[in-house]
Amino acid sequence: MRSMRTTIVIASSVLALTFTVSVQSTLAQSEMVDGQVTKVDEPAKKITLRHGPIKKFGMDEGHTMVFGVQDPAILKQVKAGDKVRFMPDRVNGQFVVTKIEKAG
């Protein structure tokens, strides 16, 4: 009887952990923002993006903004005019792009 109870507890824990990871993955994807590159400034390590709302920063409307980049290699992946999906963040009070991919 005791081993059956232990098995049920373990199975429930695994199921809960799987659900949590799935939700976190979905939330991470939902943080991606649609945008379009208007300028890439490699020497300054900045990118200008016209983008839709960024709910996690309370931006309910789209803007055109200059972002820093967490990794300068990001800037080599895109050029002005590209439609993209990107992950914005705030680091030391500055808006930065931590991930970017061409929208396809």
Protein backbone atom coordinates (compact mmCIF):
# COMPACT_ATOMS: atom_id res chain seq x y z
CA MET A 1 0.00 0.00 0.00
CA ARG A 2 2.79 2.38 0.92
CA SER A 3 4.69 1.84 -2.36
CA MET A 4 1.52 2.56 -4.36
CA ARG A 5 1.07 5.85 -2.50
CA THR A 6 4.72 6.72 -3.18
CA THR A 7 4.26 5.90 -6.87
CA ILE A 8 1.19 8.15 -7.06
CA VAL A 9 3.04 11.02 -5.36
CA ILE A 10 6.00 10.66 -7.73
CA ALA A 11 3.75 10.46 -10.80
CA SER A 12 1.83 13.56 -9.65
CA SER A 13 5.07 15.45 -9.10
CA VAL A 14 6.40 14.55 -12.56
CA LEU A 15 3.10 15.59 -14.15
CA ALA A 16 3.11 18.94 -12.29
CA LEU A 17 6.72 19.61 -13.29
CA THR A 18 5.98 18.78 -16.93
CA PHE A 19 3.02 21.18 -16.91
CA THR A 20 5.13 23.95 -15.33
CA VAL A 21 7.88 23.60 -17.93
CA SER A 22 5.28 23.62 -20.72
CA VAL A 23 3.66 26.81 -19.38
CA GLN A 24 7.05 28.52 -18.97
CA SER A 25 7.97 27.60 -22.54
CA THR A 26 4.66 29.00 -23.81
CA LEU A 27 5.14 32.21 -21.81
CA ALA A 28 8.67 32.60 -23.16
CA GLN A 29 7.37 32.32 -26.71
CA SER A 30 4.59 34.78 -25.98
CA GLU A 31 7.19 37.36 -24.93
CA MET A 32 8.48 37.46 -28.50
CA VAL A 33 7.42 40.71 -30.15
CA ASP A 34 6.74 41.29 -33.86
CA GLY A 35 8.76 44.06 -35.44
CA GLN A 36 10.66 45.38 -38.40
CA VAL A 37 14.30 46.42 -38.46
CA THR A 38 14.73 50.05 -39.48
CA LYS A 39 18.46 50.41 -38.71
CA VAL A 40 21.40 48.27 -37.61
CA ASP A 41 24.31 50.14 -35.99
CA GLU A 42 27.05 47.57 -35.41
CA PRO A 43 29.72 50.00 -34.08
CA ALA A 44 27.29 51.27 -31.41
CA LYS A 45 25.90 47.75 -30.79
CA LYS A 46 22.34 49.02 -31.33
CA ILE A 47 19.32 48.15 -33.44
CA THR A 48 16.30 50.29 -34.25
CA LEU A 49 13.03 48.40 -34.43
CA ARG A 50 9.49 49.40 -35.33
CA HIS A 51 7.49 47.04 -33.12
CA GLY A 52 4.10 46.14 -31.78
CA PRO A 53 3.02 46.34 -28.13
CA ILE A 54 5.42 45.10 -25.46
CA LYS A 55 3.02 44.19 -22.65
CA LYS A 56 5.70 43.27 -20.11
CA PHE A 57 6.90 46.90 -20.19
CA GLY A 58 3.39 48.37 -20.17
CA MET A 59 3.65 49.45 -23.81
CA ASP A 60 0.14 48.97 -25.16
CA GLU A 61 0.94 50.52 -28.52
CA GLY A 62 3.72 49.99 -31.01
CA HIS A 63 6.73 52.29 -31.22
CA THR A 64 9.96 52.73 -33.08
CA MET A 65 12.76 52.35 -30.56
CA VAL A 66 16.50 51.95 -30.37
CA PHE A 67 17.58 48.86 -28.44
CA GLY A 68 20.97 47.74 -27.29
CA VAL A 69 21.86 44.11 -27.89
CA GLN A 70 22.93 41.56 -25.35
CA ASP A 71 25.12 39.82 -27.94
CA PRO A 72 26.55 41.87 -30.85
CA ALA A 73 26.34 38.76 -33.07
CA ILE A 74 22.56 39.38 -33.13
CA LEU A 75 23.20 42.35 -35.42
CA LYS A 76 24.75 40.16 -38.11
CA GLN A 77 21.53 38.12 -38.43
CA VAL A 78 19.35 40.95 -39.74
CA LYS A 79 19.33 44.06 -41.91
CA ALA A 80 17.10 47.12 -42.35
CA GLY A 81 13.73 46.12 -43.76
CA ASP A 82 13.68 42.60 -42.27
CA LYS A 83 10.51 41.55 -40.47
CA VAL A 84 11.49 39.93 -37.19
CA ARG A 85 10.34 38.49 -33.89
CA PHE A 86 12.46 39.54 -30.94
CA MET A 87 12.77 39.14 -27.20
CA PRO A 88 13.11 42.49 -25.42
CA ASP A 89 14.44 42.88 -21.91
CA ARG A 90 15.61 45.64 -19.61
CA VAL A 91 19.19 45.44 -18.37
CA ASN A 92 20.58 48.14 -16.07
CA GLY A 93 17.66 50.39 -17.05
CA GLN A 94 18.34 50.02 -20.79
CA PHE A 95 16.11 48.26 -23.30
CA VAL A 96 17.97 45.42 -25.00
CA VAL A 97 17.23 42.65 -27.47
CA THR A 98 18.24 39.27 -26.08
CA LYS A 99 17.04 37.17 -29.02
CA ILE A 100 15.98 37.91 -32.59
CA GLU A 101 14.79 35.81 -35.50
CA LYS A 102 13.53 36.62 -38.95
CA ALA A 103 9.76 36.29 -39.19
CA GLY A 104 8.86 33.73 -41.73
